[in-house]
Structure formats: C-alpha cells, structure tokens
Amino acid sequence: MTGTAAGAVGIEADLQLTVTAPDGRSTTAHVSGEGSNLRVTARRPDVLLSAVDRSTIGPLADALDSLGVSVYVDGPGGRVAVIGSAASSRIGRLLTGSRNAAVHPSGAIPSAAASAIRTLTAATLSVAFARWAIRRFSARRR
C-alpha cells in the first residue's frame, strides 16, 4: 500500500538505542534510514517488541502509511516486522488492528533454529506430497 499524504516525507537517521522491556530485559538497537524508509536492527528483537505497547502499533502503522513511510525491524535471524506503507497483512490486522503492520516471526528465531525449522518443514511437505501422489496414481489404476 502506498501512502496518501500530499507531501513527501524525507528521513535521515542514524541512532543507537538501548531499550528496556517492562520485565527488565534490555537490548541495543540501531535505527538508520534515508528517504521514506527506516531500518531498526536489534540484537534481541523479542525484547524490543516486548517493550512496545501492542495497542499503539496499529495507529502508528496507519500514521506511517499516510505519510508514505515504512519501518523495517530486523534481528540476527532476519526480518521481524514491517510497519507503514510497505506492509500489508491480514495477520498484522488481527494482531494490531492495522493491515499496515506485518510480522515475520521467523526473523526472531536464531538462524540455526530457523534453518532447522525450514528443513523440517520442507521434509514434511515432501512426505505429504509423496503420499498425495501415491494415492492419486493408485486411484487412477483402479
């Protein structure tokens, strides 16, 4: 979805932050951006996201979209979330009240675990496809 604001927003950012969640856990984050895109890279994106009141994400995502701005949240495992004009998600709408918020849970999982999950998923899909093909071709022979 593209923003609907009459004027273009130009951002230039380079910040280092320390964020502390309500439970006392902390993480560092780097915020950078140019033009209409901001990138937030956190060492522990789970802590960063737990420090944010989820009820504020939807209205923020809609406000960013109206300005044509996108915020990409990344962690060591990859993309964790996108909010603003570059996001469009039914799941994001269920979680935040805005379709301008998209979550990517696999990015919050450490890369070794994510790799294992992808391998397991691929193996499961392969077995399911093989079973389907065998049933289909067996039914044709009858």
N, C-alpha and C. Protein backbone atom coordinates (compact mmCIF):
# COMPACT_ATOMS: atom_id res chain seq x y z
N MET A 1 0.84 -1.17 0.00
CA MET A 1 0.00 0.00 0.00
C MET A 1 0.88 1.22 0.00
N THR A 2 0.51 2.23 -0.72
CA THR A 2 1.29 3.46 -0.76
C THR A 2 0.64 4.51 0.12
N GLY A 3 1.46 5.41 0.60
CA GLY A 3 0.96 6.48 1.46
C GLY A 3 0.07 7.44 0.69
N THR A 4 -0.77 8.15 1.44
CA THR A 4 -1.73 9.04 0.81
C THR A 4 -1.47 10.51 1.13
N ALA A 5 -0.33 10.81 1.75
CA ALA A 5 -0.05 12.20 2.12
C ALA A 5 0.25 13.03 0.88
N ALA A 6 -0.11 14.31 0.95
CA ALA A 6 0.11 15.21 -0.18
C ALA A 6 1.59 15.48 -0.38
N GLY A 7 2.36 15.62 0.69
CA GLY A 7 3.78 15.92 0.58
C GLY A 7 4.63 14.71 0.89
N ALA A 8 5.81 14.67 0.33
CA ALA A 8 6.72 13.56 0.59
C ALA A 8 7.45 13.80 1.90
N VAL A 9 7.72 12.71 2.62
CA VAL A 9 8.46 12.77 3.86
C VAL A 9 9.88 12.31 3.58
N GLY A 10 10.84 13.08 4.01
CA GLY A 10 12.24 12.71 3.87
C GLY A 10 12.86 12.48 5.23
N ILE A 11 13.44 11.31 5.41
CA ILE A 11 14.03 10.95 6.70
C ILE A 11 15.52 10.73 6.52
N GLU A 12 16.28 11.19 7.50
CA GLU A 12 17.69 10.86 7.57
C GLU A 12 17.96 10.54 9.03
N ALA A 13 18.36 9.29 9.32
CA ALA A 13 18.53 8.87 10.70
C ALA A 13 19.72 7.95 10.86
N ASP A 14 20.38 8.06 12.01
CA ASP A 14 21.46 7.15 12.40
C ASP A 14 21.57 7.23 13.92
N LEU A 15 20.87 6.34 14.60
CA LEU A 15 20.78 6.37 16.06
C LEU A 15 21.14 5.02 16.65
N GLN A 16 21.74 5.04 17.83
CA GLN A 16 21.96 3.83 18.62
C GLN A 16 21.09 3.96 19.86
N LEU A 17 20.32 2.91 20.17
CA LEU A 17 19.40 2.94 21.31
C LEU A 17 19.64 1.76 22.23
N THR A 18 19.29 1.94 23.48
CA THR A 18 19.16 0.82 24.41
C THR A 18 17.71 0.82 24.85
N VAL A 19 17.06 -0.31 24.70
CA VAL A 19 15.64 -0.44 25.03
C VAL A 19 15.49 -1.44 26.16
N THR A 20 14.69 -1.07 27.16
CA THR A 20 14.44 -1.96 28.29
C THR A 20 12.95 -2.30 28.33
N ALA A 21 12.66 -3.58 28.35
CA ALA A 21 11.28 -4.06 28.41
C ALA A 21 10.76 -3.96 29.84
N PRO A 22 9.44 -4.01 30.04
CA PRO A 22 8.87 -3.92 31.38
C PRO A 22 9.40 -4.99 32.34
N ASP A 23 9.82 -6.15 31.81
CA ASP A 23 10.33 -7.22 32.67
C ASP A 23 11.81 -7.06 33.02
N GLY A 24 12.44 -5.94 32.56
CA GLY A 24 13.82 -5.66 32.92
C GLY A 24 14.85 -6.09 31.89
N ARG A 25 14.47 -6.90 30.90
CA ARG A 25 15.42 -7.31 29.87
C ARG A 25 15.73 -6.11 28.99
N SER A 26 16.98 -6.03 28.49
CA SER A 26 17.39 -4.91 27.64
C SER A 26 18.02 -5.42 26.36
N THR A 27 18.01 -4.57 25.35
CA THR A 27 18.69 -4.85 24.09
C THR A 27 19.14 -3.54 23.48
N THR A 28 20.09 -3.63 22.58
CA THR A 28 20.52 -2.46 21.83
C THR A 28 19.89 -2.53 20.45
N ALA A 29 19.71 -1.37 19.85
CA ALA A 29 19.14 -1.29 18.51
C ALA A 29 19.80 -0.15 17.76
N HIS A 30 19.91 -0.32 16.45
CA HIS A 30 20.44 0.72 15.58
C HIS A 30 19.31 1.14 14.64
N VAL A 31 19.02 2.41 14.60
CA VAL A 31 17.99 2.96 13.73
C VAL A 31 18.69 3.78 12.65
N SER A 32 18.42 3.43 11.39
CA SER A 32 19.02 4.18 10.29
C SER A 32 17.98 4.33 9.19
N GLY A 33 18.16 5.32 8.36
CA GLY A 33 17.24 5.47 7.26
C GLY A 33 17.51 6.68 6.41
N GLU A 34 16.98 6.61 5.21
CA GLU A 34 17.03 7.71 4.26
C GLU A 34 15.75 7.70 3.46
N GLY A 35 15.30 8.88 3.08
CA GLY A 35 14.09 8.95 2.28
C GLY A 35 12.87 8.60 3.09
N SER A 36 12.12 7.61 2.65
CA SER A 36 10.88 7.23 3.33
C SER A 36 10.99 5.87 4.01
N ASN A 37 12.22 5.37 4.21
CA ASN A 37 12.43 4.07 4.84
C ASN A 37 13.32 4.17 6.05
N LEU A 38 12.87 3.55 7.14
CA LEU A 38 13.68 3.43 8.35
C LEU A 38 13.96 1.96 8.60
N ARG A 39 15.16 1.65 9.06
CA ARG A 39 15.51 0.28 9.41
C ARG A 39 15.93 0.27 10.87
N VAL A 40 15.30 -0.62 11.64
CA VAL A 40 15.64 -0.81 13.04
C VAL A 40 16.24 -2.20 13.16
N THR A 41 17.51 -2.26 13.55
CA THR A 41 18.19 -3.54 13.70
C THR A 41 18.47 -3.75 15.18
N ALA A 42 17.87 -4.80 15.74
CA ALA A 42 18.00 -5.06 17.18
C ALA A 42 18.75 -6.37 17.41
N ARG A 43 19.58 -6.37 18.43
CA ARG A 43 20.27 -7.62 18.81
C ARG A 43 19.27 -8.66 19.27
N ARG A 44 18.29 -8.21 20.03
CA ARG A 44 17.26 -9.11 20.55
C ARG A 44 15.90 -8.51 20.21
N PRO A 45 15.40 -8.81 18.99
CA PRO A 45 14.14 -8.21 18.57
C PRO A 45 12.97 -8.61 19.46
N ASP A 46 13.03 -9.77 20.10
CA ASP A 46 11.96 -10.18 21.01
C ASP A 46 11.84 -9.21 22.17
N VAL A 47 12.97 -8.73 22.68
CA VAL A 47 12.96 -7.76 23.77
C VAL A 47 12.45 -6.41 23.27
N LEU A 48 12.92 -6.01 22.09
CA LEU A 48 12.46 -4.74 21.50
C LEU A 48 10.95 -4.74 21.34
N LEU A 49 10.40 -5.81 20.78
CA LEU A 49 8.96 -5.86 20.55
C LEU A 49 8.17 -5.98 21.84
N SER A 50 8.74 -6.64 22.86
CA SER A 50 8.01 -6.74 24.13
C SER A 50 8.02 -5.41 24.89
N ALA A 51 8.91 -4.49 24.50
CA ALA A 51 8.97 -3.17 25.14
C ALA A 51 7.93 -2.21 24.58
N VAL A 52 7.28 -2.61 23.48
CA VAL A 52 6.31 -1.74 22.81
C VAL A 52 4.90 -2.18 23.19
N ASP A 53 4.05 -1.21 23.51
CA ASP A 53 2.64 -1.48 23.79
C ASP A 53 1.96 -1.82 22.47
N ARG A 54 1.51 -3.06 22.32
CA ARG A 54 0.94 -3.53 21.05
C ARG A 54 -0.24 -2.69 20.59
N SER A 55 -0.98 -2.09 21.52
CA SER A 55 -2.14 -1.28 21.13
C SER A 55 -1.73 0.00 20.39
N THR A 56 -0.47 0.39 20.49
CA THR A 56 -0.02 1.60 19.80
C THR A 56 0.54 1.31 18.40
N ILE A 57 0.81 0.05 18.10
CA ILE A 57 1.43 -0.29 16.82
C ILE A 57 0.48 -0.03 15.65
N GLY A 58 -0.79 -0.43 15.78
CA GLY A 58 -1.75 -0.22 14.70
C GLY A 58 -1.91 1.24 14.31
N PRO A 59 -2.20 2.13 15.26
CA PRO A 59 -2.31 3.54 14.92
C PRO A 59 -1.00 4.12 14.35
N LEU A 60 0.14 3.69 14.89
CA LEU A 60 1.42 4.16 14.35
C LEU A 60 1.60 3.68 12.92
N ALA A 61 1.27 2.41 12.64
CA ALA A 61 1.40 1.86 11.29
C ALA A 61 0.54 2.63 10.30
N ASP A 62 -0.69 2.96 10.71
CA ASP A 62 -1.58 3.72 9.83
C ASP A 62 -1.06 5.14 9.60
N ALA A 63 -0.51 5.76 10.65
CA ALA A 63 0.05 7.11 10.51
C ALA A 63 1.26 7.10 9.57
N LEU A 64 2.12 6.09 9.72
CA LEU A 64 3.28 5.98 8.83
C LEU A 64 2.83 5.78 7.38
N ASP A 65 1.81 4.93 7.19
CA ASP A 65 1.29 4.69 5.84
C ASP A 65 0.77 5.98 5.23
N SER A 66 0.07 6.78 6.01
CA SER A 66 -0.48 8.04 5.48
C SER A 66 0.62 9.00 5.05
N LEU A 67 1.83 8.83 5.61
CA LEU A 67 2.96 9.67 5.24
C LEU A 67 3.84 9.02 4.16
N GLY A 68 3.51 7.76 3.82
CA GLY A 68 4.32 7.04 2.84
C GLY A 68 5.63 6.52 3.41
N VAL A 69 5.68 6.32 4.72
CA VAL A 69 6.90 5.89 5.40
C VAL A 69 6.78 4.42 5.80
N SER A 70 7.90 3.70 5.69
CA SER A 70 7.97 2.29 6.10
C SER A 70 9.08 2.10 7.12
N VAL A 71 8.82 1.26 8.12
CA VAL A 71 9.83 0.91 9.12
C VAL A 71 10.02 -0.60 9.06
N TYR A 72 11.27 -1.01 8.85
CA TYR A 72 11.64 -2.42 8.78
C TYR A 72 12.38 -2.77 10.05
N VAL A 73 11.91 -3.79 10.77
CA VAL A 73 12.56 -4.22 12.00
C VAL A 73 13.26 -5.56 11.73
N ASP A 74 14.58 -5.56 11.94
CA ASP A 74 15.39 -6.75 11.67
C ASP A 74 16.11 -7.19 12.93
N GLY A 75 16.40 -8.49 12.98
CA GLY A 75 17.19 -9.07 14.05
C GLY A 75 18.26 -9.96 13.45
N PRO A 76 19.01 -10.65 14.27
CA PRO A 76 20.07 -11.53 13.76
C PRO A 76 19.53 -12.62 12.83
N GLY A 77 18.28 -13.01 13.00
CA GLY A 77 17.68 -14.05 12.16
C GLY A 77 16.99 -13.52 10.92
N GLY A 78 17.03 -12.21 10.70
CA GLY A 78 16.39 -11.62 9.52
C GLY A 78 15.27 -10.68 9.89
N ARG A 79 14.37 -10.47 8.95
CA ARG A 79 13.25 -9.53 9.11
C ARG A 79 12.29 -10.04 10.18
N VAL A 80 11.88 -9.15 11.07
CA VAL A 80 10.95 -9.47 12.16
C VAL A 80 9.59 -8.83 11.92
N ALA A 81 9.59 -7.60 11.43
CA ALA A 81 8.32 -6.90 11.21
C ALA A 81 8.52 -5.75 10.23
N VAL A 82 7.42 -5.34 9.62
CA VAL A 82 7.38 -4.15 8.77
C VAL A 82 6.12 -3.40 9.16
N ILE A 83 6.25 -2.10 9.38
CA ILE A 83 5.06 -1.29 9.63
C ILE A 83 5.10 -0.08 8.72
N GLY A 84 3.94 0.37 8.32
CA GLY A 84 3.84 1.52 7.44
C GLY A 84 3.44 1.14 6.04
N SER A 85 3.84 1.95 5.07
CA SER A 85 3.33 1.81 3.72
C SER A 85 3.79 0.56 2.99
N ALA A 86 4.90 -0.07 3.41
CA ALA A 86 5.38 -1.28 2.73
C ALA A 86 4.72 -2.54 3.26
N ALA A 87 3.89 -2.43 4.28
CA ALA A 87 3.28 -3.61 4.90
C ALA A 87 1.82 -3.75 4.47
N SER A 88 1.41 -4.98 4.32
CA SER A 88 0.01 -5.29 4.08
C SER A 88 -0.21 -6.72 4.57
N SER A 89 -0.91 -6.87 5.68
CA SER A 89 -1.00 -8.19 6.29
C SER A 89 -2.32 -8.38 7.02
N ARG A 90 -2.99 -9.46 6.71
CA ARG A 90 -4.22 -9.81 7.45
C ARG A 90 -3.88 -10.21 8.88
N ILE A 91 -2.78 -10.92 9.05
CA ILE A 91 -2.36 -11.32 10.40
C ILE A 91 -1.99 -10.08 11.20
N GLY A 92 -1.30 -9.14 10.56
CA GLY A 92 -0.97 -7.89 11.24
C GLY A 92 -2.21 -7.16 11.70
N ARG A 93 -3.24 -7.20 10.87
CA ARG A 93 -4.51 -6.55 11.25
C ARG A 93 -5.13 -7.22 12.48
N LEU A 94 -5.07 -8.56 12.52
CA LEU A 94 -5.60 -9.29 13.68
C LEU A 94 -4.82 -8.96 14.95
N LEU A 95 -3.50 -8.82 14.82
CA LEU A 95 -2.66 -8.58 15.99
C LEU A 95 -2.64 -7.12 16.45
N THR A 96 -2.72 -6.19 15.49
CA THR A 96 -2.53 -4.78 15.84
C THR A 96 -3.71 -3.87 15.51
N GLY A 97 -4.66 -4.38 14.72
CA GLY A 97 -5.77 -3.55 14.28
C GLY A 97 -5.48 -2.82 13.00
N SER A 98 -4.29 -3.02 12.42
CA SER A 98 -3.92 -2.34 11.17
C SER A 98 -3.33 -3.34 10.20
N ARG A 99 -3.76 -3.25 8.94
CA ARG A 99 -3.15 -4.12 7.94
C ARG A 99 -1.80 -3.56 7.49
N ASN A 100 -1.44 -2.38 7.99
CA ASN A 100 -0.15 -1.76 7.68
C ASN A 100 0.93 -2.20 8.66
N ALA A 101 0.73 -3.35 9.28
CA ALA A 101 1.72 -3.95 10.17
C ALA A 101 1.83 -5.42 9.80
N ALA A 102 3.03 -5.86 9.46
CA ALA A 102 3.25 -7.26 9.09
C ALA A 102 4.33 -7.85 9.99
N VAL A 103 4.07 -9.03 10.50
CA VAL A 103 5.04 -9.72 11.34
C VAL A 103 5.70 -10.84 10.55
N HIS A 104 6.97 -11.07 10.86
CA HIS A 104 7.74 -12.14 10.26
C HIS A 104 8.40 -12.90 11.41
N PRO A 105 7.65 -13.80 12.06
CA PRO A 105 8.17 -14.45 13.28
C PRO A 105 9.47 -15.22 13.07
N SER A 106 9.70 -15.72 11.87
CA SER A 106 10.93 -16.50 11.66
C SER A 106 12.17 -15.64 11.85
N GLY A 107 12.06 -14.33 11.67
CA GLY A 107 13.21 -13.46 11.86
C GLY A 107 13.62 -13.33 13.31
N ALA A 108 12.71 -13.62 14.22
CA ALA A 108 13.02 -13.53 15.65
C ALA A 108 13.67 -14.80 16.17
N ILE A 109 13.68 -15.84 15.34
CA ILE A 109 14.27 -17.12 15.74
C ILE A 109 15.74 -17.11 15.34
N PRO A 110 16.64 -17.53 16.23
CA PRO A 110 18.05 -17.59 15.85
C PRO A 110 18.24 -18.42 14.58
N SER A 111 19.24 -18.07 13.78
CA SER A 111 19.40 -18.65 12.45
C SER A 111 19.54 -20.17 12.46
N ALA A 112 20.19 -20.77 13.44
CA ALA A 112 20.32 -22.23 13.47
C ALA A 112 18.95 -22.88 13.66
N ALA A 113 18.14 -22.30 14.55
CA ALA A 113 16.80 -22.85 14.77
C ALA A 113 15.93 -22.63 13.54
N ALA A 114 16.04 -21.46 12.92
CA ALA A 114 15.25 -21.17 11.71
C ALA A 114 15.61 -22.14 10.60
N SER A 115 16.89 -22.46 10.47
CA SER A 115 17.34 -23.41 9.44
C SER A 115 16.75 -24.78 9.72
N ALA A 116 16.75 -25.20 10.96
CA ALA A 116 16.19 -26.50 11.32
C ALA A 116 14.68 -26.53 11.04
N ILE A 117 14.00 -25.44 11.34
CA ILE A 117 12.55 -25.38 11.09
C ILE A 117 12.27 -25.44 9.60
N ARG A 118 13.05 -24.72 8.78
CA ARG A 118 12.86 -24.76 7.33
C ARG A 118 13.10 -26.15 6.79
N THR A 119 14.14 -26.84 7.27
CA THR A 119 14.45 -28.20 6.82
C THR A 119 13.33 -29.15 7.20
N LEU A 120 12.85 -29.05 8.42
CA LEU A 120 11.75 -29.90 8.88
C LEU A 120 10.49 -29.64 8.07
N THR A 121 10.19 -28.37 7.80
CA THR A 121 9.02 -28.02 7.01
C THR A 121 9.12 -28.59 5.59
N ALA A 122 10.29 -28.44 4.98
CA ALA A 122 10.50 -28.97 3.63
C ALA A 122 10.33 -30.48 3.61
N ALA A 123 10.88 -31.16 4.61
CA ALA A 123 10.76 -32.63 4.67
C ALA A 123 9.31 -33.04 4.86
N THR A 124 8.59 -32.34 5.72
CA THR A 124 7.17 -32.65 5.96
C THR A 124 6.35 -32.44 4.69
N LEU A 125 6.59 -31.33 3.99
CA LEU A 125 5.86 -31.08 2.74
C LEU A 125 6.20 -32.12 1.68
N SER A 126 7.45 -32.56 1.62
CA SER A 126 7.85 -33.58 0.66
C SER A 126 7.13 -34.89 0.92
N VAL A 127 7.07 -35.29 2.19
CA VAL A 127 6.37 -36.54 2.55
C VAL A 127 4.89 -36.41 2.24
N ALA A 128 4.29 -35.27 2.57
CA ALA A 128 2.86 -35.07 2.30
C ALA A 128 2.58 -35.12 0.80
N PHE A 129 3.43 -34.51 -0.01
CA PHE A 129 3.25 -34.53 -1.46
C PHE A 129 3.40 -35.95 -1.99
N ALA A 130 4.39 -36.68 -1.51
CA ALA A 130 4.60 -38.07 -1.96
C ALA A 130 3.37 -38.92 -1.64
N ARG A 131 2.82 -38.77 -0.45
CA ARG A 131 1.62 -39.54 -0.07
C ARG A 131 0.45 -39.18 -0.98
N TRP A 132 0.27 -37.90 -1.24
CA TRP A 132 -0.81 -37.46 -2.12
C TRP A 132 -0.64 -38.04 -3.52
N ALA A 133 0.58 -37.99 -4.05
CA ALA A 133 0.84 -38.51 -5.41
C ALA A 133 0.59 -40.00 -5.48
N ILE A 134 1.02 -40.74 -4.47
CA ILE A 134 0.79 -42.20 -4.45
C ILE A 134 -0.70 -42.50 -4.43
N ARG A 135 -1.44 -41.80 -3.59
CA ARG A 135 -2.90 -42.03 -3.52
C ARG A 135 -3.56 -41.69 -4.84
N ARG A 136 -3.17 -40.60 -5.43
CA ARG A 136 -3.78 -40.14 -6.68
C ARG A 136 -3.53 -41.14 -7.81
N PHE A 137 -2.28 -41.59 -7.95
CA PHE A 137 -1.96 -42.51 -9.04
C PHE A 137 -2.50 -43.92 -8.77
N SER A 138 -2.60 -44.29 -7.49
CA SER A 138 -3.19 -45.59 -7.14
C SER A 138 -4.67 -45.59 -7.48
N ALA A 139 -5.35 -44.48 -7.23
CA ALA A 139 -6.79 -44.38 -7.53
C ALA A 139 -7.03 -44.45 -9.03
N ARG A 140 -6.15 -43.94 -9.83
CA ARG A 140 -6.30 -43.97 -11.28
C ARG A 140 -6.20 -45.39 -11.83
N ARG A 141 -5.39 -46.22 -11.21
CA ARG A 141 -5.19 -47.59 -11.69
C ARG A 141 -6.39 -48.48 -11.41
N ARG A 142 -7.20 -48.11 -10.49
CA ARG A 142 -8.37 -48.95 -10.11
C ARG A 142 -9.47 -48.86 -11.08
